């Protein structure tokens, strides 16, 4: 499947938290600055762990990055 990225208009540092959604709301993508695993709650509510994610953009819309299971460092990318 091919994902077409929109130009990000905003970015925010992510502090993984098991109980709190991203302060800016659901993001349109993540940017991985330090490789590792990323445990998230997707925009639709599904919980997923992405393993061994390399540095670079990850085209997933998430509302929460979980502390449990996340070892990567990420930024949230927003379209507004």
PDB file of N, CA and C in Angstrom:
ATOM      1  N   UNK A   1       0.846  -1.178   0.000  1.00  0.00           N
ATOM      2  CA  UNK A   1       0.000   0.000   0.000  1.00  0.00           C
ATOM      3  C   UNK A   1       0.887   1.235   0.000  1.00  0.00           C
ATOM      4  N   UNK A   2       0.539   2.217  -0.769  1.00  0.00           N
ATOM      5  CA  UNK A   2       1.299   3.453  -0.894  1.00  0.00           C
ATOM      6  C   UNK A   2       0.642   4.542  -0.060  1.00  0.00           C
ATOM      7  N   UNK A   3       1.442   5.221   0.757  1.00  0.00           N
ATOM      8  CA  UNK A   3       0.945   6.343   1.545  1.00  0.00           C
ATOM      9  C   UNK A   3       1.498   7.626   0.966  1.00  0.00           C
ATOM     10  N   UNK A   4       0.646   8.579   0.746  1.00  0.00           N
ATOM     11  CA  UNK A   4       1.089   9.884   0.278  1.00  0.00           C
ATOM     12  C   UNK A   4       1.098  10.828   1.463  1.00  0.00           C
ATOM     13  N   UNK A   5       2.259  11.411   1.753  1.00  0.00           N
ATOM     14  CA  UNK A   5       2.383  12.309   2.894  1.00  0.00           C
ATOM     15  C   UNK A   5       1.973  13.716   2.506  1.00  0.00           C
ATOM     16  N   UNK A   6       1.223  14.340   3.388  1.00  0.00           N
ATOM     17  CA  UNK A   6       0.938  15.754   3.248  1.00  0.00           C
ATOM     18  C   UNK A   6       2.088  16.509   3.879  1.00  0.00           C
ATOM     19  N   UNK A   7       2.213  17.766   3.550  1.00  0.00           N
ATOM     20  CA  UNK A   7       3.212  18.587   4.195  1.00  0.00           C
ATOM     21  C   UNK A   7       2.764  18.876   5.614  1.00  0.00           C
ATOM     22  N   UNK A   8       3.606  18.548   6.576  1.00  0.00           N
ATOM     23  CA  UNK A   8       3.285  18.827   7.976  1.00  0.00           C
ATOM     24  C   UNK A   8       3.347  20.323   8.210  1.00  0.00           C
ATOM     25  N   UNK A   9       2.366  20.835   8.934  1.00  0.00           N
ATOM     26  CA  UNK A   9       2.314  22.259   9.233  1.00  0.00           C
ATOM     27  C   UNK A   9       2.676  22.552  10.679  1.00  0.00           C
ATOM     28  N   UNK A  10       2.802  21.484  11.481  1.00  0.00           N
ATOM     29  CA  UNK A  10       3.172  21.647  12.877  1.00  0.00           C
ATOM     30  C   UNK A  10       3.787  20.373  13.402  1.00  0.00           C
ATOM     31  N   UNK A  11       4.571  20.514  14.467  1.00  0.00           N
ATOM     32  CA  UNK A  11       5.209  19.357  15.099  1.00  0.00           C
ATOM     33  C   UNK A  11       5.284  19.602  16.595  1.00  0.00           C
ATOM     34  N   UNK A  12       5.263  18.517  17.353  1.00  0.00           N
ATOM     35  CA  UNK A  12       5.364  18.618  18.807  1.00  0.00           C
ATOM     36  C   UNK A  12       6.130  17.420  19.343  1.00  0.00           C
ATOM     37  N   UNK A  13       6.943  17.669  20.347  1.00  0.00           N
ATOM     38  CA  UNK A  13       7.644  16.601  21.034  1.00  0.00           C
ATOM     39  C   UNK A  13       6.622  15.713  21.723  1.00  0.00           C
ATOM     40  N   UNK A  14       6.834  14.408  21.664  1.00  0.00           N
ATOM     41  CA  UNK A  14       5.917  13.454  22.286  1.00  0.00           C
ATOM     42  C   UNK A  14       6.535  12.921  23.578  1.00  0.00           C
ATOM     43  N   UNK A  15       5.777  13.009  24.660  1.00  0.00           N
ATOM     44  CA  UNK A  15       6.129  12.343  25.904  1.00  0.00           C
ATOM     45  C   UNK A  15       5.177  11.165  26.040  1.00  0.00           C
ATOM     46  N   UNK A  16       5.665   9.952  25.820  1.00  0.00           N
ATOM     47  CA  UNK A  16       4.772   8.787  25.897  1.00  0.00           C
ATOM     48  C   UNK A  16       4.070   8.705  27.253  1.00  0.00           C
ATOM     49  N   UNK A  17       2.771   8.381  27.216  1.00  0.00           N
ATOM     50  CA  UNK A  17       1.943   8.326  28.422  1.00  0.00           C
ATOM     51  C   UNK A  17       0.845   7.301  28.200  1.00  0.00           C
ATOM     52  N   UNK A  18       0.685   6.386  29.128  1.00  0.00           N
ATOM     53  CA  UNK A  18      -0.321   5.336  28.989  1.00  0.00           C
ATOM     54  C   UNK A  18      -1.752   5.832  29.189  1.00  0.00           C
ATOM     55  N   UNK A  19      -1.922   7.012  29.775  1.00  0.00           N
ATOM     56  CA  UNK A  19      -3.261   7.478  30.150  1.00  0.00           C
ATOM     57  C   UNK A  19      -3.714   8.770  29.502  1.00  0.00           C
ATOM     58  N   UNK A  20      -2.832   9.436  28.764  1.00  0.00           N
ATOM     59  CA  UNK A  20      -3.163  10.757  28.238  1.00  0.00           C
ATOM     60  C   UNK A  20      -2.951  10.817  26.731  1.00  0.00           C
ATOM     61  N   UNK A  21      -3.947  11.343  26.015  1.00  0.00           N
ATOM     62  CA  UNK A  21      -3.825  11.547  24.572  1.00  0.00           C
ATOM     63  C   UNK A  21      -2.818  12.656  24.286  1.00  0.00           C
ATOM     64  N   UNK A  22      -2.360  12.717  23.050  1.00  0.00           N
ATOM     65  CA  UNK A  22      -1.456  13.786  22.642  1.00  0.00           C
ATOM     66  C   UNK A  22      -2.127  15.137  22.888  1.00  0.00           C
ATOM     67  N   UNK A  23      -1.417  16.101  23.451  1.00  0.00           N
ATOM     68  CA  UNK A  23      -2.047  17.387  23.788  1.00  0.00           C
ATOM     69  C   UNK A  23      -2.595  18.146  22.581  1.00  0.00           C
ATOM     70  N   UNK A  24      -2.019  17.922  21.396  1.00  0.00           N
ATOM     71  CA  UNK A  24      -2.491  18.593  20.189  1.00  0.00           C
ATOM     72  C   UNK A  24      -3.589  17.839  19.462  1.00  0.00           C
ATOM     73  N   UNK A  25      -4.090  16.765  20.066  1.00  0.00           N
ATOM     74  CA  UNK A  25      -5.079  15.922  19.402  1.00  0.00           C
ATOM     75  C   UNK A  25      -4.390  14.905  18.520  1.00  0.00           C
ATOM     76  N   UNK A  26      -5.185  14.160  17.779  1.00  0.00           N
ATOM     77  CA  UNK A  26      -4.633  13.117  16.914  1.00  0.00           C
ATOM     78  C   UNK A  26      -3.721  13.744  15.857  1.00  0.00           C
ATOM     79  N   UNK A  27      -2.551  13.144  15.688  1.00  0.00           N
ATOM     80  CA  UNK A  27      -1.608  13.638  14.685  1.00  0.00           C
ATOM     81  C   UNK A  27      -1.806  12.871  13.377  1.00  0.00           C
ATOM     82  N   UNK A  28      -1.252  13.404  12.305  1.00  0.00           N
ATOM     83  CA  UNK A  28      -1.377  12.755  10.996  1.00  0.00           C
ATOM     84  C   UNK A  28      -0.223  11.808  10.708  1.00  0.00           C
ATOM     85  N   UNK A  29       0.877  11.947  11.448  1.00  0.00           N
ATOM     86  CA  UNK A  29       2.054  11.091  11.266  1.00  0.00           C
ATOM     87  C   UNK A  29       2.978  11.289  12.458  1.00  0.00           C
ATOM     88  N   UNK A  30       3.938  10.391  12.573  1.00  0.00           N
ATOM     89  CA  UNK A  30       4.997  10.530  13.561  1.00  0.00           C
ATOM     90  C   UNK A  30       6.320  10.654  12.818  1.00  0.00           C
ATOM     91  N   UNK A  31       7.266  11.359  13.423  1.00  0.00           N
ATOM     92  CA  UNK A  31       8.624  11.362  12.909  1.00  0.00           C
ATOM     93  C   UNK A  31       9.484  10.690  13.968  1.00  0.00           C
ATOM     94  N   UNK A  32      10.158   9.629  13.581  1.00  0.00           N
ATOM     95  CA  UNK A  32      10.996   8.856  14.494  1.00  0.00           C
ATOM     96  C   UNK A  32      12.412   9.432  14.436  1.00  0.00           C
ATOM     97  N   UNK A  33      12.890   9.957  15.583  1.00  0.00           N
ATOM     98  CA  UNK A  33      14.238  10.525  15.610  1.00  0.00           C
ATOM     99  C   UNK A  33      15.254   9.569  16.232  1.00  0.00           C
ATOM    100  N   UNK A  34      14.783   8.610  17.031  1.00  0.00           N
ATOM    101  CA  UNK A  34      15.629   7.547  17.572  1.00  0.00           C
ATOM    102  C   UNK A  34      14.871   6.241  17.388  1.00  0.00           C
ATOM    103  N   UNK A  35      15.469   5.308  16.678  1.00  0.00           N
ATOM    104  CA  UNK A  35      14.809   4.055  16.339  1.00  0.00           C
ATOM    105  C   UNK A  35      14.416   3.243  17.570  1.00  0.00           C
ATOM    106  N   UNK A  36      13.401   2.402  17.407  1.00  0.00           N
ATOM    107  CA  UNK A  36      12.936   1.545  18.489  1.00  0.00           C
ATOM    108  C   UNK A  36      11.507   1.106  18.249  1.00  0.00           C
ATOM    109  N   UNK A  37      10.843   0.668  19.306  1.00  0.00           N
ATOM    110  CA  UNK A  37       9.438   0.254  19.235  1.00  0.00           C
ATOM    111  C   UNK A  37       8.532   1.434  19.583  1.00  0.00           C
ATOM    112  N   UNK A  38       7.352   1.452  18.968  1.00  0.00           N
ATOM    113  CA  UNK A  38       6.373   2.501  19.257  1.00  0.00           C
ATOM    114  C   UNK A  38       5.029   1.839  19.504  1.00  0.00           C
ATOM    115  N   UNK A  39       4.525   1.974  20.727  1.00  0.00           N
ATOM    116  CA  UNK A  39       3.198   1.472  21.087  1.00  0.00           C
ATOM    117  C   UNK A  39       2.237   2.655  21.055  1.00  0.00           C
ATOM    118  N   UNK A  40       1.139   2.508  20.317  1.00  0.00           N
ATOM    119  CA  UNK A  40       0.227   3.636  20.117  1.00  0.00           C
ATOM    120  C   UNK A  40      -1.236   3.219  20.235  1.00  0.00           C
ATOM    121  N   UNK A  41      -2.065   4.223  20.434  1.00  0.00           N
ATOM    122  CA  UNK A  41      -3.498   4.095  20.220  1.00  0.00           C
ATOM    123  C   UNK A  41      -3.775   4.861  18.937  1.00  0.00           C
ATOM    124  N   UNK A  42      -4.238   4.141  17.929  1.00  0.00           N
ATOM    125  CA  UNK A  42      -4.509   4.754  16.635  1.00  0.00           C
ATOM    126  C   UNK A  42      -5.695   5.706  16.733  1.00  0.00           C
ATOM    127  N   UNK A  43      -5.855   6.534  15.715  1.00  0.00           N
ATOM    128  CA  UNK A  43      -6.950   7.502  15.671  1.00  0.00           C
ATOM    129  C   UNK A  43      -8.300   6.826  15.855  1.00  0.00           C
ATOM    130  N   UNK A  44      -8.458   5.600  15.347  1.00  0.00           N
ATOM    131  CA  UNK A  44      -9.740   4.886  15.450  1.00  0.00           C
ATOM    132  C   UNK A  44      -9.896   4.108  16.756  1.00  0.00           C
ATOM    133  N   UNK A  45      -8.880   4.148  17.635  1.00  0.00           N
ATOM    134  CA  UNK A  45      -8.964   3.476  18.925  1.00  0.00           C
ATOM    135  C   UNK A  45      -8.231   2.159  19.030  1.00  0.00           C
ATOM    136  N   UNK A  46      -7.740   1.628  17.919  1.00  0.00           N
ATOM    137  CA  UNK A  46      -6.985   0.372  17.950  1.00  0.00           C
ATOM    138  C   UNK A  46      -5.639   0.577  18.644  1.00  0.00           C
ATOM    139  N   UNK A  47      -5.198  -0.409  19.422  1.00  0.00           N
ATOM    140  CA  UNK A  47      -3.876  -0.380  20.040  1.00  0.00           C
ATOM    141  C   UNK A  47      -2.939  -1.260  19.229  1.00  0.00           C
ATOM    142  N   UNK A  48      -1.778  -0.709  18.883  1.00  0.00           N
ATOM    143  CA  UNK A  48      -0.822  -1.399  18.025  1.00  0.00           C
ATOM    144  C   UNK A  48       0.591  -1.080  18.508  1.00  0.00           C
ATOM    145  N   UNK A  49       1.492  -2.057  18.383  1.00  0.00           N
ATOM    146  CA  UNK A  49       2.908  -1.808  18.629  1.00  0.00           C
ATOM    147  C   UNK A  49       3.671  -2.042  17.328  1.00  0.00           C
ATOM    148  N   UNK A  50       4.408  -1.031  16.905  1.00  0.00           N
ATOM    149  CA  UNK A  50       5.273  -1.127  15.727  1.00  0.00           C
ATOM    150  C   UNK A  50       6.678  -1.403  16.249  1.00  0.00           C
ATOM    151  N   UNK A  51       7.297  -2.482  15.778  1.00  0.00           N
ATOM    152  CA  UNK A  51       8.592  -2.896  16.297  1.00  0.00           C
ATOM    153  C   UNK A  51       9.730  -2.514  15.362  1.00  0.00           C
ATOM    154  N   UNK A  52      10.840  -2.134  15.978  1.00  0.00           N
ATOM    155  CA  UNK A  52      12.075  -1.806  15.249  1.00  0.00           C
ATOM    156  C   UNK A  52      11.841  -0.767  14.152  1.00  0.00           C
ATOM    157  N   UNK A  53      11.183   0.311  14.490  1.00  0.00           N
ATOM    158  CA  UNK A  53      10.866   1.358  13.515  1.00  0.00           C
ATOM    159  C   UNK A  53      12.132   2.174  13.245  1.00  0.00           C
ATOM    160  N   UNK A  54      12.511   2.320  11.974  1.00  0.00           N
ATOM    161  CA  UNK A  54      13.719   3.091  11.660  1.00  0.00           C
ATOM    162  C   UNK A  54      13.460   4.594  11.764  1.00  0.00           C
ATOM    163  N   UNK A  55      14.545   5.353  11.779  1.00  0.00           N
ATOM    164  CA  UNK A  55      14.452   6.813  11.783  1.00  0.00           C
ATOM    165  C   UNK A  55      13.779   7.273  10.507  1.00  0.00           C
ATOM    166  N   UNK A  56      12.870   8.260  10.648  1.00  0.00           N
ATOM    167  CA  UNK A  56      12.180   8.838   9.506  1.00  0.00           C
ATOM    168  C   UNK A  56      10.695   8.945   9.773  1.00  0.00           C
ATOM    169  N   UNK A  57       9.932   9.377   8.771  1.00  0.00           N
ATOM    170  CA  UNK A  57       8.489   9.555   8.954  1.00  0.00           C
ATOM    171  C   UNK A  57       7.761   8.221   8.993  1.00  0.00           C
ATOM    172  N   UNK A  58       6.719   8.164   9.815  1.00  0.00           N
ATOM    173  CA  UNK A  58       5.860   6.996   9.919  1.00  0.00           C
ATOM    174  C   UNK A  58       4.432   7.495   9.731  1.00  0.00           C
ATOM    175  N   UNK A  59       3.821   7.143   8.612  1.00  0.00           N
ATOM    176  CA  UNK A  59       2.508   7.676   8.229  1.00  0.00           C
ATOM    177  C   UNK A  59       1.353   7.016   8.942  1.00  0.00           C
ATOM    178  N   UNK A  60       1.231   7.253  10.238  1.00  0.00           N
ATOM    179  CA  UNK A  60       0.116   6.705  11.009  1.00  0.00           C
ATOM    180  C   UNK A  60      -0.536   7.828  11.814  1.00  0.00           C
ATOM    181  N   UNK A  61      -1.860   7.839  11.843  1.00  0.00           N
ATOM    182  CA  UNK A  61      -2.611   8.833  12.617  1.00  0.00           C
ATOM    183  C   UNK A  61      -2.878   8.256  14.001  1.00  0.00           C
ATOM    184  N   UNK A  62      -2.283   8.853  15.019  1.00  0.00           N
ATOM    185  CA  UNK A  62      -2.427   8.336  16.375  1.00  0.00           C
ATOM    186  C   UNK A  62      -2.931   9.418  17.317  1.00  0.00           C
ATOM    187  N   UNK A  63      -3.632   8.966  18.359  1.00  0.00           N
ATOM    188  CA  UNK A  63      -4.075   9.928  19.374  1.00  0.00           C
ATOM    189  C   UNK A  63      -3.295   9.784  20.669  1.00  0.00           C
ATOM    190  N   UNK A  64      -2.568   8.662  20.826  1.00  0.00           N
ATOM    191  CA  UNK A  64      -1.788   8.452  22.047  1.00  0.00           C
ATOM    192  C   UNK A  64      -0.560   7.609  21.728  1.00  0.00           C
ATOM    193  N   UNK A  65       0.578   8.006  22.288  1.00  0.00           N
ATOM    194  CA  UNK A  65       1.786   7.193  22.241  1.00  0.00           C
ATOM    195  C   UNK A  65       1.974   6.669  23.665  1.00  0.00           C
ATOM    196  N   UNK A  66       1.957   5.356  23.790  1.00  0.00           N
ATOM    197  CA  UNK A  66       1.989   4.718  25.102  1.00  0.00           C
ATOM    198  C   UNK A  66       3.419   4.634  25.647  1.00  0.00           C
ATOM    199  N   UNK A  67       3.547   4.836  26.961  1.00  0.00           N
ATOM    200  CA  UNK A  67       4.850   4.693  27.611  1.00  0.00           C
ATOM    201  C   UNK A  67       5.258   3.224  27.657  1.00  0.00           C
ATOM    202  N   UNK A  68       4.282   2.367  27.962  1.00  0.00           N
ATOM    203  CA  UNK A  68       4.555   0.934  28.025  1.00  0.00           C
ATOM    204  C   UNK A  68       4.736   0.387  26.612  1.00  0.00           C
ATOM    205  N   UNK A  69       5.933  -0.069  26.322  1.00  0.00           N
ATOM    206  CA  UNK A  69       6.203  -0.648  25.019  1.00  0.00           C
ATOM    207  C   UNK A  69       6.905   0.281  24.047  1.00  0.00           C
ATOM    208  N   UNK A  70       7.004   1.575  24.375  1.00  0.00           N
ATOM    209  CA  UNK A  70       7.670   2.522  23.480  1.00  0.00           C
ATOM    210  C   UNK A  70       9.110   2.724  23.912  1.00  0.00           C
ATOM    211  N   UNK A  71      10.025   2.478  22.977  1.00  0.00           N
ATOM    212  CA  UNK A  71      11.447   2.706  23.228  1.00  0.00           C
ATOM    213  C   UNK A  71      12.029   3.742  22.269  1.00  0.00           C
ATOM    214  N   UNK A  72      11.303   4.079  21.213  1.00  0.00           N
ATOM    215  CA  UNK A  72      11.755   5.069  20.232  1.00  0.00           C
ATOM    216  C   UNK A  72      11.473   6.481  20.746  1.00  0.00           C
ATOM    217  N   UNK A  73      12.127   7.444  20.132  1.00  0.00           N
ATOM    218  CA  UNK A  73      11.846   8.858  20.383  1.00  0.00           C
ATOM    219  C   UNK A  73      11.144   9.404  19.157  1.00  0.00           C
ATOM    220  N   UNK A  74       9.999  10.077  19.368  1.00  0.00           N
ATOM    221  CA  UNK A  74       9.196  10.531  18.237  1.00  0.00           C
ATOM    222  C   UNK A  74       8.702  11.962  18.414  1.00  0.00           C
ATOM    223  N   UNK A  75       8.371  12.557  17.293  1.00  0.00           N
ATOM    224  CA  UNK A  75       7.659  13.834  17.218  1.00  0.00           C
ATOM    225  C   UNK A  75       6.309  13.568  16.579  1.00  0.00           C
ATOM    226  N   UNK A  76       5.287  14.287  17.030  1.00  0.00           N
ATOM    227  CA  UNK A  76       3.967  14.216  16.391  1.00  0.00           C
ATOM    228  C   UNK A  76       3.917  15.279  15.300  1.00  0.00           C
ATOM    229  N   UNK A  77       3.445  14.909  14.122  1.00  0.00           N
ATOM    230  CA  UNK A  77       3.298  15.839  12.996  1.00  0.00           C
ATOM    231  C   UNK A  77       1.819  16.128  12.778  1.00  0.00           C
ATOM    232  N   UNK A  78       1.504  17.413  12.604  1.00  0.00           N
ATOM    233  CA  UNK A  78       0.117  17.858  12.463  1.00  0.00           C
ATOM    234  C   UNK A  78      -0.084  18.571  11.134  1.00  0.00           C
ATOM    235  N   UNK A  79      -1.304  18.522  10.638  1.00  0.00           N
ATOM    236  CA  UNK A  79      -1.603  19.193   9.371  1.00  0.00           C
ATOM    237  C   UNK A  79      -2.166  20.592   9.568  1.00  0.00           C
ATOM    238  N   UNK A  80      -2.247  21.034  10.793  1.00  0.00           N
ATOM    239  CA  UNK A  80      -2.696  22.430  11.028  1.00  0.00           C
ATOM    240  C   UNK A  80      -1.962  23.021  12.192  1.00  0.00           C
TER     241      UNK A  80
END
